[in-house]
Amino acid sequence: MTTTVSANRKGDRRERELVNALDEAGFAVMRAPASGSATERELPDVLAGDGETFYAIEAKSSAGDPIYLTGEEVEALLFFARNFGAKARIAVRFDREDWFFFHPGDLYTTDAGSYRVKKEKALADGTDFPEFVGETEKVTLAEVGEGDGTGDDADGIDPETEERRTILEAVRDGHMPVEDALDVL
């Protein structure tokens, strides 16, 4: 029981840390009351908005092990976000790292229907905090090394066209709501 209580306290502390960071970045933000406890309604951990974009965020942290979310947690987040008019995001934080954000459809789904984020995935593919709050735009090493500066990659496919295709496939496969796709496109 001591381990569970300690882990819950650490999770609460991490959620408050995220709320404070979002507040400092200019978001109106609140930690949902009773988040993480057994309530009749499933609520996200954090609600945040900047006047234009609103997020319903499920926050998870880990010392280094992969982070798992149940299918029910993700379904409840998507349901709440859709009905609230917010974008659903999973925020993950590993010890000695910053927060990284994912759309639930971008997470690995296990055979049992759970969702998993490994630290390596977060560092490589997650949206970091400065990008999430609009301070920077992430550029990967692969993007820096692509193409010849003409907008076409080595295969003659425009990266922007390829990105649109990926987004549309995510909508088709049910991994991204149409509203999120419209925002990205």
C-alpha atoms as a PDB file:
ATOM      1  CA  MET A   1       0.000   0.000   0.000  1.00  0.00           C
ATOM      2  CA  THR A   2       2.868   2.385   0.744  1.00  0.00           C
ATOM      3  CA  THR A   3       4.137   2.021  -2.824  1.00  0.00           C
ATOM      4  CA  THR A   4       0.685   2.832  -4.249  1.00  0.00           C
ATOM      5  CA  VAL A   5       0.250   5.859  -1.985  1.00  0.00           C
ATOM      6  CA  SER A   6       3.749   7.067  -2.881  1.00  0.00           C
ATOM      7  CA  ALA A   7       3.082   6.574  -6.600  1.00  0.00           C
ATOM      8  CA  ASN A   8      -0.247   8.429  -6.315  1.00  0.00           C
ATOM      9  CA  ARG A   9       1.425  11.342  -4.530  1.00  0.00           C
ATOM     10  CA  LYS A  10       4.091  11.490  -7.224  1.00  0.00           C
ATOM     11  CA  GLY A  11       1.393  11.413  -9.921  1.00  0.00           C
ATOM     12  CA  ASP A  12      -0.501  14.224  -8.179  1.00  0.00           C
ATOM     13  CA  ARG A  13       2.715  16.248  -7.911  1.00  0.00           C
ATOM     14  CA  ARG A  14       3.437  15.702 -11.619  1.00  0.00           C
ATOM     15  CA  GLU A  15      -0.095  16.803 -12.564  1.00  0.00           C
ATOM     16  CA  ARG A  16       0.294  19.988 -10.501  1.00  0.00           C
ATOM     17  CA  GLU A  17       3.681  20.552 -12.156  1.00  0.00           C
ATOM     18  CA  LEU A  18       2.036  20.288 -15.604  1.00  0.00           C
ATOM     19  CA  VAL A  19      -0.772  22.652 -14.566  1.00  0.00           C
ATOM     20  CA  ASN A  20       1.767  25.222 -13.320  1.00  0.00           C
ATOM     21  CA  ALA A  21       3.870  24.954 -16.500  1.00  0.00           C
ATOM     22  CA  LEU A  22       0.823  25.433 -18.727  1.00  0.00           C
ATOM     23  CA  ASP A  23      -0.276  28.393 -16.593  1.00  0.00           C
ATOM     24  CA  GLU A  24       3.171  29.991 -16.950  1.00  0.00           C
ATOM     25  CA  ALA A  25       2.926  29.478 -20.727  1.00  0.00           C
ATOM     26  CA  GLY A  26      -0.259  31.580 -20.803  1.00  0.00           C
ATOM     27  CA  PHE A  27      -2.942  28.890 -20.807  1.00  0.00           C
ATOM     28  CA  ALA A  28      -6.082  29.008 -18.716  1.00  0.00           C
ATOM     29  CA  VAL A  29      -5.692  25.684 -16.969  1.00  0.00           C
ATOM     30  CA  MET A  30      -7.163  23.570 -14.221  1.00  0.00           C
ATOM     31  CA  ARG A  31      -6.590  20.186 -12.733  1.00  0.00           C
ATOM     32  CA  ALA A  32      -9.855  18.308 -12.866  1.00  0.00           C
ATOM     33  CA  PRO A  33     -11.354  17.755  -9.432  1.00  0.00           C
ATOM     34  CA  ALA A  34     -11.186  14.107  -8.369  1.00  0.00           C
ATOM     35  CA  SER A  35      -9.051  13.175 -11.362  1.00  0.00           C
ATOM     36  CA  GLY A  36      -7.576   9.775 -10.854  1.00  0.00           C
ATOM     37  CA  SER A  37     -10.129   8.740  -8.232  1.00  0.00           C
ATOM     38  CA  ALA A  38     -13.180   6.560  -8.556  1.00  0.00           C
ATOM     39  CA  THR A  39     -16.003   8.886  -9.568  1.00  0.00           C
ATOM     40  CA  GLU A  40     -19.214   8.426 -11.476  1.00  0.00           C
ATOM     41  CA  ARG A  41     -17.841  10.512 -14.342  1.00  0.00           C
ATOM     42  CA  GLU A  42     -14.563   9.928 -16.063  1.00  0.00           C
ATOM     43  CA  LEU A  43     -12.696  13.237 -16.184  1.00  0.00           C
ATOM     44  CA  PRO A  44      -9.362  14.066 -17.784  1.00  0.00           C
ATOM     45  CA  ASP A  45      -6.555  15.051 -15.438  1.00  0.00           C
ATOM     46  CA  VAL A  46      -6.100  18.550 -16.872  1.00  0.00           C
ATOM     47  CA  LEU A  47      -8.165  20.998 -18.932  1.00  0.00           C
ATOM     48  CA  ALA A  48      -6.251  23.760 -20.700  1.00  0.00           C
ATOM     49  CA  GLY A  49      -6.983  26.406 -23.297  1.00  0.00           C
ATOM     50  CA  ASP A  50      -5.409  29.490 -24.796  1.00  0.00           C
ATOM     51  CA  GLY A  51      -8.550  31.100 -26.220  1.00  0.00           C
ATOM     52  CA  GLU A  52      -8.207  29.313 -29.545  1.00  0.00           C
ATOM     53  CA  THR A  53      -7.307  25.726 -28.739  1.00  0.00           C
ATOM     54  CA  PHE A  54      -8.643  23.652 -25.879  1.00  0.00           C
ATOM     55  CA  TYR A  55      -7.163  20.423 -24.563  1.00  0.00           C
ATOM     56  CA  ALA A  56      -8.415  17.582 -22.397  1.00  0.00           C
ATOM     57  CA  ILE A  57      -5.234  15.946 -21.101  1.00  0.00           C
ATOM     58  CA  GLU A  58      -4.609  12.617 -19.415  1.00  0.00           C
ATOM     59  CA  ALA A  59      -1.251  12.936 -17.622  1.00  0.00           C
ATOM     60  CA  LYS A  60       0.974   9.968 -16.783  1.00  0.00           C
ATOM     61  CA  SER A  61       4.483   9.754 -15.383  1.00  0.00           C
ATOM     62  CA  SER A  62       7.035   6.997 -14.856  1.00  0.00           C
ATOM     63  CA  ALA A  63      10.500   6.488 -13.439  1.00  0.00           C
ATOM     64  CA  GLY A  64      11.569   4.913 -16.718  1.00  0.00           C
ATOM     65  CA  ASP A  65       9.288   1.984 -17.364  1.00  0.00           C
ATOM     66  CA  PRO A  66       6.831   2.153 -20.256  1.00  0.00           C
ATOM     67  CA  ILE A  67       3.640   4.035 -19.463  1.00  0.00           C
ATOM     68  CA  TYR A  68       0.402   2.142 -19.983  1.00  0.00           C
ATOM     69  CA  LEU A  69      -3.139   3.438 -20.261  1.00  0.00           C
ATOM     70  CA  THR A  70      -6.172   1.208 -20.326  1.00  0.00           C
ATOM     71  CA  GLY A  71      -8.458   1.244 -23.315  1.00  0.00           C
ATOM     72  CA  GLU A  72     -11.185   2.549 -21.005  1.00  0.00           C
ATOM     73  CA  GLU A  73      -9.044   5.515 -19.922  1.00  0.00           C
ATOM     74  CA  VAL A  74      -8.396   6.491 -23.534  1.00  0.00           C
ATOM     75  CA  GLU A  75     -12.022   5.969 -24.596  1.00  0.00           C
ATOM     76  CA  ALA A  76     -13.215   8.126 -21.675  1.00  0.00           C
ATOM     77  CA  LEU A  77     -10.713  10.857 -22.620  1.00  0.00           C
ATOM     78  CA  LEU A  78     -11.824  10.826 -26.266  1.00  0.00           C
ATOM     79  CA  PHE A  79     -15.498  10.882 -25.260  1.00  0.00           C
ATOM     80  CA  PHE A  80     -15.008  13.808 -22.866  1.00  0.00           C
ATOM     81  CA  ALA A  81     -12.845  15.762 -25.331  1.00  0.00           C
ATOM     82  CA  ARG A  82     -15.323  15.309 -28.178  1.00  0.00           C
ATOM     83  CA  ASN A  83     -18.299  16.401 -26.033  1.00  0.00           C
ATOM     84  CA  PHE A  84     -16.378  19.280 -24.445  1.00  0.00           C
ATOM     85  CA  GLY A  85     -15.023  20.547 -27.776  1.00  0.00           C
ATOM     86  CA  ALA A  86     -11.394  19.945 -26.809  1.00  0.00           C
ATOM     87  CA  LYS A  87      -8.508  18.077 -28.351  1.00  0.00           C
ATOM     88  CA  ALA A  88      -7.631  14.868 -26.531  1.00  0.00           C
ATOM     89  CA  ARG A  89      -3.968  14.557 -25.585  1.00  0.00           C
ATOM     90  CA  ILE A  90      -1.919  12.131 -23.533  1.00  0.00           C
ATOM     91  CA  ALA A  91       0.889  13.870 -21.619  1.00  0.00           C
ATOM     92  CA  VAL A  92       3.766  11.667 -20.473  1.00  0.00           C
ATOM     93  CA  ARG A  93       6.743  12.490 -18.320  1.00  0.00           C
ATOM     94  CA  PHE A  94       9.648  10.226 -17.542  1.00  0.00           C
ATOM     95  CA  ASP A  95      12.042  11.019 -14.688  1.00  0.00           C
ATOM     96  CA  ARG A  96      14.686  13.583 -15.672  1.00  0.00           C
ATOM     97  CA  GLU A  97      12.765  14.424 -18.858  1.00  0.00           C
ATOM     98  CA  ASP A  98      10.239  17.079 -19.791  1.00  0.00           C
ATOM     99  CA  TRP A  99       6.600  16.506 -20.742  1.00  0.00           C
ATOM    100  CA  PHE A 100       5.760  15.013 -24.131  1.00  0.00           C
ATOM    101  CA  PHE A 101       2.317  15.018 -25.723  1.00  0.00           C
ATOM    102  CA  PHE A 102       0.565  12.567 -28.028  1.00  0.00           C
ATOM    103  CA  HIS A 103      -2.779  12.253 -29.714  1.00  0.00           C
ATOM    104  CA  PRO A 104      -4.200   8.943 -28.457  1.00  0.00           C
ATOM    105  CA  GLY A 105      -4.248   7.607 -32.028  1.00  0.00           C
ATOM    106  CA  ASP A 106      -0.463   7.970 -32.200  1.00  0.00           C
ATOM    107  CA  LEU A 107       0.158   5.555 -29.330  1.00  0.00           C
ATOM    108  CA  TYR A 108       1.032   1.891 -29.650  1.00  0.00           C
ATOM    109  CA  THR A 109      -1.952  -0.354 -28.938  1.00  0.00           C
ATOM    110  CA  THR A 110      -1.228  -3.706 -27.299  1.00  0.00           C
ATOM    111  CA  ASP A 111      -3.015  -6.930 -28.215  1.00  0.00           C
ATOM    112  CA  ALA A 112      -5.018  -6.572 -24.991  1.00  0.00           C
ATOM    113  CA  GLY A 113      -6.294  -3.126 -26.061  1.00  0.00           C
ATOM    114  CA  SER A 114      -4.108  -1.055 -23.757  1.00  0.00           C
ATOM    115  CA  TYR A 115      -2.033   1.891 -24.936  1.00  0.00           C
ATOM    116  CA  ARG A 116       1.707   2.114 -24.335  1.00  0.00           C
ATOM    117  CA  VAL A 117       4.361   4.826 -24.525  1.00  0.00           C
ATOM    118  CA  LYS A 118       8.021   3.927 -24.146  1.00  0.00           C
ATOM    119  CA  LYS A 119      10.548   6.574 -23.155  1.00  0.00           C
ATOM    120  CA  GLU A 120      12.352   6.207 -26.503  1.00  0.00           C
ATOM    121  CA  LYS A 121       9.082   6.819 -28.377  1.00  0.00           C
ATOM    122  CA  ALA A 122       8.351   9.910 -26.285  1.00  0.00           C
ATOM    123  CA  LEU A 123      11.790  11.389 -26.913  1.00  0.00           C
ATOM    124  CA  ALA A 124      11.759  10.582 -30.637  1.00  0.00           C
ATOM    125  CA  ASP A 125       8.160  11.233 -31.654  1.00  0.00           C
ATOM    126  CA  GLY A 126       6.381  13.133 -28.896  1.00  0.00           C
ATOM    127  CA  THR A 127       5.482  16.783 -29.084  1.00  0.00           C
ATOM    128  CA  ASP A 128       7.718  18.451 -26.516  1.00  0.00           C
ATOM    129  CA  PHE A 129       6.418  21.112 -24.140  1.00  0.00           C
ATOM    130  CA  PRO A 130       7.740  24.172 -26.036  1.00  0.00           C
ATOM    131  CA  GLU A 131       6.147  22.944 -29.261  1.00  0.00           C
ATOM    132  CA  PHE A 132       2.893  22.045 -27.481  1.00  0.00           C
ATOM    133  CA  VAL A 133       2.513  25.581 -26.114  1.00  0.00           C
ATOM    134  CA  GLY A 134       3.504  27.164 -29.442  1.00  0.00           C
ATOM    135  CA  GLU A 135       6.998  28.394 -28.572  1.00  0.00           C
ATOM    136  CA  THR A 136       8.889  26.273 -31.115  1.00  0.00           C
ATOM    137  CA  GLU A 137       8.313  23.858 -33.958  1.00  0.00           C
ATOM    138  CA  LYS A 138       9.967  20.452 -33.809  1.00  0.00           C
ATOM    139  CA  VAL A 139      12.265  19.483 -36.672  1.00  0.00           C
ATOM    140  CA  THR A 140      13.647  15.963 -36.724  1.00  0.00           C
ATOM    141  CA  LEU A 141      17.045  14.873 -38.019  1.00  0.00           C
ATOM    142  CA  ALA A 142      15.279  12.948 -40.780  1.00  0.00           C
ATOM    143  CA  GLU A 143      13.552  16.157 -41.907  1.00  0.00           C
ATOM    144  CA  VAL A 144      16.821  18.082 -41.909  1.00  0.00           C
ATOM    145  CA  GLY A 145      18.464  15.439 -44.094  1.00  0.00           C
ATOM    146  CA  GLU A 146      15.549  15.044 -46.527  1.00  0.00           C
ATOM    147  CA  GLY A 147      15.553  16.218 -50.108  1.00  0.00           C
ATOM    148  CA  ASP A 148      17.549  18.771 -51.973  1.00  0.00           C
ATOM    149  CA  GLY A 149      15.830  21.899 -50.720  1.00  0.00           C
ATOM    150  CA  THR A 150      13.278  21.905 -53.554  1.00  0.00           C
ATOM    151  CA  GLY A 151      10.458  20.493 -51.425  1.00  0.00           C
ATOM    152  CA  ASP A 152      10.715  17.043 -52.972  1.00  0.00           C
ATOM    153  CA  ASP A 153      12.387  14.116 -51.281  1.00  0.00           C
ATOM    154  CA  ALA A 154      14.587  11.577 -53.011  1.00  0.00           C
ATOM    155  CA  ASP A 155      11.565   9.642 -54.348  1.00  0.00           C
ATOM    156  CA  GLY A 156       9.965  12.749 -55.852  1.00  0.00           C
ATOM    157  CA  ILE A 157       7.128  12.772 -53.287  1.00  0.00           C
ATOM    158  CA  ASP A 158       6.339  16.089 -51.691  1.00  0.00           C
ATOM    159  CA  PRO A 159       6.689  15.736 -47.880  1.00  0.00           C
ATOM    160  CA  GLU A 160       3.597  17.899 -47.389  1.00  0.00           C
ATOM    161  CA  THR A 161       1.545  15.557 -49.573  1.00  0.00           C
ATOM    162  CA  GLU A 162       2.877  12.574 -47.651  1.00  0.00           C
ATOM    163  CA  GLU A 163       1.914  14.226 -44.344  1.00  0.00           C
ATOM    164  CA  ARG A 164      -1.636  14.842 -45.609  1.00  0.00           C
ATOM    165  CA  ARG A 165      -1.873  11.208 -46.680  1.00  0.00           C
ATOM    166  CA  THR A 166      -0.772  10.052 -43.222  1.00  0.00           C
ATOM    167  CA  ILE A 167      -3.370  12.265 -41.528  1.00  0.00           C
ATOM    168  CA  LEU A 168      -6.161  11.049 -43.796  1.00  0.00           C
ATOM    169  CA  GLU A 169      -5.165   7.436 -43.168  1.00  0.00           C
ATOM    170  CA  ALA A 170      -5.314   8.093 -39.403  1.00  0.00           C
ATOM    171  CA  VAL A 171      -8.873   9.400 -39.798  1.00  0.00           C
ATOM    172  CA  ARG A 172      -9.816   6.455 -42.001  1.00  0.00           C
ATOM    173  CA  ASP A 173      -8.425   3.962 -39.489  1.00  0.00           C
ATOM    174  CA  GLY A 174     -10.208   5.650 -36.568  1.00  0.00           C
ATOM    175  CA  HIS A 175      -7.022   6.850 -34.864  1.00  0.00           C
ATOM    176  CA  MET A 176      -7.751  10.560 -35.260  1.00  0.00           C
ATOM    177  CA  PRO A 177     -11.060  12.444 -35.079  1.00  0.00           C
ATOM    178  CA  VAL A 178     -12.038  14.443 -38.141  1.00  0.00           C
ATOM    179  CA  GLU A 179     -11.901  17.666 -36.075  1.00  0.00           C
ATOM    180  CA  ASP A 180      -8.245  17.072 -35.155  1.00  0.00           C
ATOM    181  CA  ALA A 181      -7.416  16.272 -38.770  1.00  0.00           C
ATOM    182  CA  LEU A 182      -9.014  19.526 -39.915  1.00  0.00           C
ATOM    183  CA  ASP A 183      -6.974  21.449 -37.362  1.00  0.00           C
ATOM    184  CA  VAL A 184      -3.751  19.813 -38.559  1.00  0.00           C
ATOM    185  CA  LEU A 185      -4.540  20.219 -42.241  1.00  0.00           C
END
